[in-house]
């Protein structure tokens, strides 16, 4: 049995369309949850900057340049 994973999908013409290939066999049942992202009011340029910033952050984390969440919380509480 597979674990849970997240897939990004968009509604087109009343149908949910997954935006990336999946390797599940035909007939696989999936459960969907609608997520309010809060970015619905952003312009395309703002979304592009946000995506670029998130990509840069992901690369920093992969390179070991991140700060553990516990440390961030400790610093915030110390203020």
PDB file of N, CA and C in Angstrom:
ATOM      1  N   UNK A   1       0.846  -1.185   0.000  1.00  0.00           N
ATOM      2  CA  UNK A   1       0.000   0.000   0.000  1.00  0.00           C
ATOM      3  C   UNK A   1       0.885   1.239   0.000  1.00  0.00           C
ATOM      4  N   UNK A   2       0.512   2.222  -0.775  1.00  0.00           N
ATOM      5  CA  UNK A   2       1.266   3.472  -0.843  1.00  0.00           C
ATOM      6  C   UNK A   2       0.870   4.399   0.294  1.00  0.00           C
ATOM      7  N   UNK A   3       1.809   5.284   0.626  1.00  0.00           N
ATOM      8  CA  UNK A   3       1.505   6.300   1.607  1.00  0.00           C
ATOM      9  C   UNK A   3       0.754   7.442   0.946  1.00  0.00           C
ATOM     10  N   UNK A   4       0.455   8.450   1.722  1.00  0.00           N
ATOM     11  CA  UNK A   4      -0.242   9.613   1.191  1.00  0.00           C
ATOM     12  C   UNK A   4       0.725  10.474   0.396  1.00  0.00           C
ATOM     13  N   UNK A   5       0.245  11.040  -0.697  1.00  0.00           N
ATOM     14  CA  UNK A   5       1.045  11.995  -1.455  1.00  0.00           C
ATOM     15  C   UNK A   5       0.136  13.146  -1.852  1.00  0.00           C
ATOM     16  N   UNK A   6       0.737  14.226  -2.292  1.00  0.00           N
ATOM     17  CA  UNK A   6      -0.016  15.399  -2.712  1.00  0.00           C
ATOM     18  C   UNK A   6       0.149  15.585  -4.202  1.00  0.00           C
ATOM     19  N   UNK A   7      -0.958  15.802  -4.885  1.00  0.00           N
ATOM     20  CA  UNK A   7      -0.963  16.081  -6.310  1.00  0.00           C
ATOM     21  C   UNK A   7      -1.614  17.434  -6.524  1.00  0.00           C
ATOM     22  N   UNK A   8      -1.105  18.203  -7.461  1.00  0.00           N
ATOM     23  CA  UNK A   8      -1.709  19.485  -7.788  1.00  0.00           C
ATOM     24  C   UNK A   8      -2.636  19.285  -8.977  1.00  0.00           C
ATOM     25  N   UNK A   9      -3.829  19.808  -8.877  1.00  0.00           N
ATOM     26  CA  UNK A   9      -4.820  19.676  -9.940  1.00  0.00           C
ATOM     27  C   UNK A   9      -5.588  20.985 -10.079  1.00  0.00           C
ATOM     28  N   UNK A  10      -6.205  21.163 -11.238  1.00  0.00           N
ATOM     29  CA  UNK A  10      -6.991  22.357 -11.526  1.00  0.00           C
ATOM     30  C   UNK A  10      -8.339  21.909 -12.081  1.00  0.00           C
ATOM     31  N   UNK A  11      -9.380  22.676 -11.810  1.00  0.00           N
ATOM     32  CA  UNK A  11     -10.694  22.371 -12.354  1.00  0.00           C
ATOM     33  C   UNK A  11     -10.824  23.049 -13.717  1.00  0.00           C
ATOM     34  N   UNK A  12     -11.143  22.267 -14.727  1.00  0.00           N
ATOM     35  CA  UNK A  12     -11.390  22.759 -16.085  1.00  0.00           C
ATOM     36  C   UNK A  12     -12.726  22.197 -16.544  1.00  0.00           C
ATOM     37  N   UNK A  13     -13.654  23.086 -16.836  1.00  0.00           N
ATOM     38  CA  UNK A  13     -14.956  22.632 -17.332  1.00  0.00           C
ATOM     39  C   UNK A  13     -15.666  21.697 -16.373  1.00  0.00           C
ATOM     40  N   UNK A  14     -15.505  21.927 -15.082  1.00  0.00           N
ATOM     41  CA  UNK A  14     -16.180  21.108 -14.097  1.00  0.00           C
ATOM     42  C   UNK A  14     -15.489  19.781 -13.810  1.00  0.00           C
ATOM     43  N   UNK A  15     -14.321  19.554 -14.386  1.00  0.00           N
ATOM     44  CA  UNK A  15     -13.559  18.318 -14.163  1.00  0.00           C
ATOM     45  C   UNK A  15     -12.239  18.640 -13.478  1.00  0.00           C
ATOM     46  N   UNK A  16     -11.803  17.784 -12.594  1.00  0.00           N
ATOM     47  CA  UNK A  16     -10.518  17.944 -11.930  1.00  0.00           C
ATOM     48  C   UNK A  16      -9.452  17.328 -12.827  1.00  0.00           C
ATOM     49  N   UNK A  17      -8.452  18.143 -13.187  1.00  0.00           N
ATOM     50  CA  UNK A  17      -7.383  17.699 -14.077  1.00  0.00           C
ATOM     51  C   UNK A  17      -6.063  17.787 -13.317  1.00  0.00           C
ATOM     52  N   UNK A  18      -5.385  16.656 -13.180  1.00  0.00           N
ATOM     53  CA  UNK A  18      -4.088  16.621 -12.506  1.00  0.00           C
ATOM     54  C   UNK A  18      -3.056  17.197 -13.462  1.00  0.00           C
ATOM     55  N   UNK A  19      -2.205  18.080 -12.961  1.00  0.00           N
ATOM     56  CA  UNK A  19      -1.261  18.797 -13.818  1.00  0.00           C
ATOM     57  C   UNK A  19       0.062  18.080 -14.024  1.00  0.00           C
ATOM     58  N   UNK A  20       0.237  16.924 -13.431  1.00  0.00           N
ATOM     59  CA  UNK A  20       1.490  16.198 -13.576  1.00  0.00           C
ATOM     60  C   UNK A  20       1.166  14.721 -13.812  1.00  0.00           C
ATOM     61  N   UNK A  21       2.053  14.004 -14.468  1.00  0.00           N
ATOM     62  CA  UNK A  21       1.792  12.581 -14.694  1.00  0.00           C
ATOM     63  C   UNK A  21       1.748  11.818 -13.370  1.00  0.00           C
ATOM     64  N   UNK A  22       0.922  10.802 -13.317  1.00  0.00           N
ATOM     65  CA  UNK A  22       0.837   9.935 -12.140  1.00  0.00           C
ATOM     66  C   UNK A  22       1.020   8.496 -12.597  1.00  0.00           C
ATOM     67  N   UNK A  23       1.523   7.653 -11.707  1.00  0.00           N
ATOM     68  CA  UNK A  23       1.744   6.266 -12.086  1.00  0.00           C
ATOM     69  C   UNK A  23       0.779   5.309 -11.403  1.00  0.00           C
ATOM     70  N   UNK A  24      -0.402   5.803 -11.083  1.00  0.00           N
ATOM     71  CA  UNK A  24      -1.417   4.951 -10.492  1.00  0.00           C
ATOM     72  C   UNK A  24      -2.155   4.203 -11.607  1.00  0.00           C
ATOM     73  N   UNK A  25      -2.517   2.965 -11.368  1.00  0.00           N
ATOM     74  CA  UNK A  25      -3.248   2.224 -12.401  1.00  0.00           C
ATOM     75  C   UNK A  25      -4.669   2.756 -12.566  1.00  0.00           C
ATOM     76  N   UNK A  26      -5.222   2.553 -13.747  1.00  0.00           N
ATOM     77  CA  UNK A  26      -6.607   2.939 -13.995  1.00  0.00           C
ATOM     78  C   UNK A  26      -7.499   2.291 -12.943  1.00  0.00           C
ATOM     79  N   UNK A  27      -8.474   3.047 -12.495  1.00  0.00           N
ATOM     80  CA  UNK A  27      -9.398   2.543 -11.494  1.00  0.00           C
ATOM     81  C   UNK A  27      -8.988   2.856 -10.071  1.00  0.00           C
ATOM     82  N   UNK A  28      -7.776   3.414  -9.878  1.00  0.00           N
ATOM     83  CA  UNK A  28      -7.343   3.777  -8.532  1.00  0.00           C
ATOM     84  C   UNK A  28      -8.240   4.886  -8.002  1.00  0.00           C
ATOM     85  N   UNK A  29      -8.734   4.715  -6.803  1.00  0.00           N
ATOM     86  CA  UNK A  29      -9.595   5.713  -6.179  1.00  0.00           C
ATOM     87  C   UNK A  29      -8.713   6.691  -5.416  1.00  0.00           C
ATOM     88  N   UNK A  30      -8.927   7.988  -5.644  1.00  0.00           N
ATOM     89  CA  UNK A  30      -8.195   9.024  -4.922  1.00  0.00           C
ATOM     90  C   UNK A  30      -9.194   9.920  -4.205  1.00  0.00           C
ATOM     91  N   UNK A  31      -8.777  10.475  -3.099  1.00  0.00           N
ATOM     92  CA  UNK A  31      -9.615  11.390  -2.341  1.00  0.00           C
ATOM     93  C   UNK A  31      -9.077  12.797  -2.530  1.00  0.00           C
ATOM     94  N   UNK A  32      -9.946  13.743  -2.847  1.00  0.00           N
ATOM     95  CA  UNK A  32      -9.537  15.120  -3.090  1.00  0.00           C
ATOM     96  C   UNK A  32      -9.980  16.017  -1.938  1.00  0.00           C
ATOM     97  N   UNK A  33      -9.145  17.002  -1.638  1.00  0.00           N
ATOM     98  CA  UNK A  33      -9.494  18.025  -0.657  1.00  0.00           C
ATOM     99  C   UNK A  33      -9.188  19.371  -1.286  1.00  0.00           C
ATOM    100  N   UNK A  34     -10.131  20.293  -1.254  1.00  0.00           N
ATOM    101  CA  UNK A  34      -9.923  21.624  -1.803  1.00  0.00           C
ATOM    102  C   UNK A  34      -9.127  22.436  -0.796  1.00  0.00           C
ATOM    103  N   UNK A  35      -8.059  23.067  -1.280  1.00  0.00           N
ATOM    104  CA  UNK A  35      -7.193  23.858  -0.412  1.00  0.00           C
ATOM    105  C   UNK A  35      -7.271  25.312  -0.842  1.00  0.00           C
ATOM    106  N   UNK A  36      -7.603  26.165   0.101  1.00  0.00           N
ATOM    107  CA  UNK A  36      -7.590  27.607  -0.150  1.00  0.00           C
ATOM    108  C   UNK A  36      -6.163  28.078   0.056  1.00  0.00           C
ATOM    109  N   UNK A  37      -5.503  28.516  -1.006  1.00  0.00           N
ATOM    110  CA  UNK A  37      -4.097  28.884  -0.897  1.00  0.00           C
ATOM    111  C   UNK A  37      -3.884  30.323  -0.479  1.00  0.00           C
ATOM    112  N   UNK A  38      -4.870  31.165  -0.662  1.00  0.00           N
ATOM    113  CA  UNK A  38      -4.710  32.562  -0.306  1.00  0.00           C
ATOM    114  C   UNK A  38      -4.037  33.377  -1.395  1.00  0.00           C
ATOM    115  N   UNK A  39      -3.627  32.721  -2.483  1.00  0.00           N
ATOM    116  CA  UNK A  39      -2.946  33.460  -3.547  1.00  0.00           C
ATOM    117  C   UNK A  39      -3.865  33.739  -4.740  1.00  0.00           C
ATOM    118  N   UNK A  40      -5.152  33.564  -4.559  1.00  0.00           N
ATOM    119  CA  UNK A  40      -6.092  33.757  -5.654  1.00  0.00           C
ATOM    120  C   UNK A  40      -6.114  35.195  -6.165  1.00  0.00           C
ATOM    121  N   UNK A  41      -5.731  36.157  -5.313  1.00  0.00           N
ATOM    122  CA  UNK A  41      -5.770  37.566  -5.697  1.00  0.00           C
ATOM    123  C   UNK A  41      -4.424  38.072  -6.222  1.00  0.00           C
ATOM    124  N   UNK A  42      -3.417  37.192  -6.328  1.00  0.00           N
ATOM    125  CA  UNK A  42      -2.107  37.618  -6.812  1.00  0.00           C
ATOM    126  C   UNK A  42      -2.097  37.683  -8.335  1.00  0.00           C
ATOM    127  N   UNK A  43      -1.335  38.628  -8.868  1.00  0.00           N
ATOM    128  CA  UNK A  43      -1.186  38.727 -10.319  1.00  0.00           C
ATOM    129  C   UNK A  43      -0.232  37.626 -10.791  1.00  0.00           C
ATOM    130  N   UNK A  44      -0.176  37.408 -12.096  1.00  0.00           N
ATOM    131  CA  UNK A  44       0.736  36.405 -12.643  1.00  0.00           C
ATOM    132  C   UNK A  44       2.182  36.733 -12.283  1.00  0.00           C
ATOM    133  N   UNK A  45       2.540  38.024 -12.328  1.00  0.00           N
ATOM    134  CA  UNK A  45       3.904  38.431 -11.983  1.00  0.00           C
ATOM    135  C   UNK A  45       4.197  38.145 -10.511  1.00  0.00           C
ATOM    136  N   UNK A  46       3.242  38.408  -9.630  1.00  0.00           N
ATOM    137  CA  UNK A  46       3.426  38.139  -8.208  1.00  0.00           C
ATOM    138  C   UNK A  46       3.551  36.637  -7.957  1.00  0.00           C
ATOM    139  N   UNK A  47       2.736  35.838  -8.635  1.00  0.00           N
ATOM    140  CA  UNK A  47       2.825  34.391  -8.494  1.00  0.00           C
ATOM    141  C   UNK A  47       4.176  33.871  -8.985  1.00  0.00           C
ATOM    142  N   UNK A  48       4.671  34.432 -10.073  1.00  0.00           N
ATOM    143  CA  UNK A  48       5.973  34.019 -10.607  1.00  0.00           C
ATOM    144  C   UNK A  48       7.074  34.341  -9.603  1.00  0.00           C
ATOM    145  N   UNK A  49       7.024  35.523  -8.977  1.00  0.00           N
ATOM    146  CA  UNK A  49       8.029  35.885  -7.962  1.00  0.00           C
ATOM    147  C   UNK A  49       7.923  34.974  -6.738  1.00  0.00           C
ATOM    148  N   UNK A  50       6.704  34.662  -6.343  1.00  0.00           N
ATOM    149  CA  UNK A  50       6.490  33.766  -5.212  1.00  0.00           C
ATOM    150  C   UNK A  50       7.057  32.380  -5.521  1.00  0.00           C
ATOM    151  N   UNK A  51       6.757  31.852  -6.705  1.00  0.00           N
ATOM    152  CA  UNK A  51       7.274  30.539  -7.091  1.00  0.00           C
ATOM    153  C   UNK A  51       8.802  30.531  -7.126  1.00  0.00           C
ATOM    154  N   UNK A  52       9.403  31.589  -7.660  1.00  0.00           N
ATOM    155  CA  UNK A  52      10.865  31.682  -7.720  1.00  0.00           C
ATOM    156  C   UNK A  52      11.461  31.727  -6.314  1.00  0.00           C
ATOM    157  N   UNK A  53      10.824  32.458  -5.419  1.00  0.00           N
ATOM    158  CA  UNK A  53      11.300  32.556  -4.047  1.00  0.00           C
ATOM    159  C   UNK A  53      11.198  31.203  -3.338  1.00  0.00           C
ATOM    160  N   UNK A  54      10.096  30.504  -3.548  1.00  0.00           N
ATOM    161  CA  UNK A  54       9.930  29.186  -2.944  1.00  0.00           C
ATOM    162  C   UNK A  54      10.951  28.189  -3.488  1.00  0.00           C
ATOM    163  N   UNK A  55      11.216  28.256  -4.787  1.00  0.00           N
ATOM    164  CA  UNK A  55      12.230  27.381  -5.389  1.00  0.00           C
ATOM    165  C   UNK A  55      13.604  27.663  -4.800  1.00  0.00           C
ATOM    166  N   UNK A  56      13.949  28.946  -4.644  1.00  0.00           N
ATOM    167  CA  UNK A  56      15.246  29.319  -4.063  1.00  0.00           C
ATOM    168  C   UNK A  56      15.341  28.814  -2.620  1.00  0.00           C
ATOM    169  N   UNK A  57      14.263  28.940  -1.874  1.00  0.00           N
ATOM    170  CA  UNK A  57      14.254  28.463  -0.486  1.00  0.00           C
ATOM    171  C   UNK A  57      14.427  26.954  -0.431  1.00  0.00           C
ATOM    172  N   UNK A  58      13.751  26.242  -1.317  1.00  0.00           N
ATOM    173  CA  UNK A  58      13.864  24.786  -1.365  1.00  0.00           C
ATOM    174  C   UNK A  58      15.312  24.367  -1.639  1.00  0.00           C
ATOM    175  N   UNK A  59      15.968  25.065  -2.567  1.00  0.00           N
ATOM    176  CA  UNK A  59      17.367  24.751  -2.893  1.00  0.00           C
ATOM    177  C   UNK A  59      18.280  25.019  -1.704  1.00  0.00           C
ATOM    178  N   UNK A  60      18.028  26.101  -0.966  1.00  0.00           N
ATOM    179  CA  UNK A  60      18.823  26.396   0.221  1.00  0.00           C
ATOM    180  C   UNK A  60      18.661  25.289   1.267  1.00  0.00           C
ATOM    181  N   UNK A  61      17.429  24.839   1.452  1.00  0.00           N
ATOM    182  CA  UNK A  61      17.196  23.760   2.417  1.00  0.00           C
ATOM    183  C   UNK A  61      17.897  22.485   1.993  1.00  0.00           C
ATOM    184  N   UNK A  62      17.824  22.157   0.702  1.00  0.00           N
ATOM    185  CA  UNK A  62      18.479  20.952   0.196  1.00  0.00           C
ATOM    186  C   UNK A  62      19.992  21.033   0.350  1.00  0.00           C
ATOM    187  N   UNK A  63      20.532  22.253   0.344  1.00  0.00           N
ATOM    188  CA  UNK A  63      21.978  22.454   0.515  1.00  0.00           C
ATOM    189  C   UNK A  63      22.372  22.519   1.990  1.00  0.00           C
ATOM    190  N   UNK A  64      21.401  22.302   2.882  1.00  0.00           N
ATOM    191  CA  UNK A  64      21.705  22.302   4.314  1.00  0.00           C
ATOM    192  C   UNK A  64      21.789  23.681   4.932  1.00  0.00           C
ATOM    193  N   UNK A  65      21.244  24.685   4.258  1.00  0.00           N
ATOM    194  CA  UNK A  65      21.331  26.057   4.756  1.00  0.00           C
ATOM    195  C   UNK A  65      20.103  26.492   5.547  1.00  0.00           C
ATOM    196  N   UNK A  66      19.233  25.549   5.869  1.00  0.00           N
ATOM    197  CA  UNK A  66      18.012  25.899   6.583  1.00  0.00           C
ATOM    198  C   UNK A  66      18.223  26.012   8.078  1.00  0.00           C
ATOM    199  N   UNK A  67      17.235  26.541   8.762  1.00  0.00           N
ATOM    200  CA  UNK A  67      17.234  26.658  10.218  1.00  0.00           C
ATOM    201  C   UNK A  67      16.125  25.740  10.728  1.00  0.00           C
ATOM    202  N   UNK A  68      16.429  24.854  11.671  1.00  0.00           N
ATOM    203  CA  UNK A  68      15.393  23.966  12.211  1.00  0.00           C
ATOM    204  C   UNK A  68      14.224  24.770  12.781  1.00  0.00           C
ATOM    205  N   UNK A  69      13.026  24.249  12.630  1.00  0.00           N
ATOM    206  CA  UNK A  69      11.820  24.937  13.096  1.00  0.00           C
ATOM    207  C   UNK A  69      11.899  25.267  14.578  1.00  0.00           C
ATOM    208  N   UNK A  70      12.456  24.347  15.358  1.00  0.00           N
ATOM    209  CA  UNK A  70      12.561  24.582  16.795  1.00  0.00           C
ATOM    210  C   UNK A  70      13.401  25.829  17.086  1.00  0.00           C
ATOM    211  N   UNK A  71      14.465  26.032  16.285  1.00  0.00           N
ATOM    212  CA  UNK A  71      15.317  27.211  16.468  1.00  0.00           C
ATOM    213  C   UNK A  71      14.572  28.491  16.099  1.00  0.00           C
ATOM    214  N   UNK A  72      13.810  28.446  15.029  1.00  0.00           N
ATOM    215  CA  UNK A  72      13.027  29.611  14.613  1.00  0.00           C
ATOM    216  C   UNK A  72      12.027  29.982  15.713  1.00  0.00           C
ATOM    217  N   UNK A  73      11.343  28.981  16.233  1.00  0.00           N
ATOM    218  CA  UNK A  73      10.357  29.234  17.293  1.00  0.00           C
ATOM    219  C   UNK A  73      11.046  29.796  18.534  1.00  0.00           C
ATOM    220  N   UNK A  74      12.198  29.226  18.898  1.00  0.00           N
ATOM    221  CA  UNK A  74      12.933  29.730  20.057  1.00  0.00           C
ATOM    222  C   UNK A  74      13.293  31.197  19.869  1.00  0.00           C
ATOM    223  N   UNK A  75      13.770  31.551  18.678  1.00  0.00           N
ATOM    224  CA  UNK A  75      14.156  32.948  18.391  1.00  0.00           C
ATOM    225  C   UNK A  75      12.945  33.876  18.455  1.00  0.00           C
ATOM    226  N   UNK A  76      11.833  33.421  17.908  1.00  0.00           N
ATOM    227  CA  UNK A  76      10.631  34.261  17.922  1.00  0.00           C
ATOM    228  C   UNK A  76      10.127  34.478  19.346  1.00  0.00           C
ATOM    229  N   UNK A  77      10.172  33.454  20.152  1.00  0.00           N
ATOM    230  CA  UNK A  77       9.715  33.582  21.536  1.00  0.00           C
ATOM    231  C   UNK A  77      10.632  34.474  22.365  1.00  0.00           C
ATOM    232  N   UNK A  78      11.895  34.539  21.974  1.00  0.00           N
ATOM    233  CA  UNK A  78      12.864  35.347  22.711  1.00  0.00           C
ATOM    234  C   UNK A  78      12.697  36.838  22.447  1.00  0.00           C
ATOM    235  N   UNK A  79      11.945  37.206  21.429  1.00  0.00           N
ATOM    236  CA  UNK A  79      11.764  38.636  21.099  1.00  0.00           C
ATOM    237  C   UNK A  79      10.767  39.300  22.003  1.00  0.00           C
TER     238      UNK A  79
END
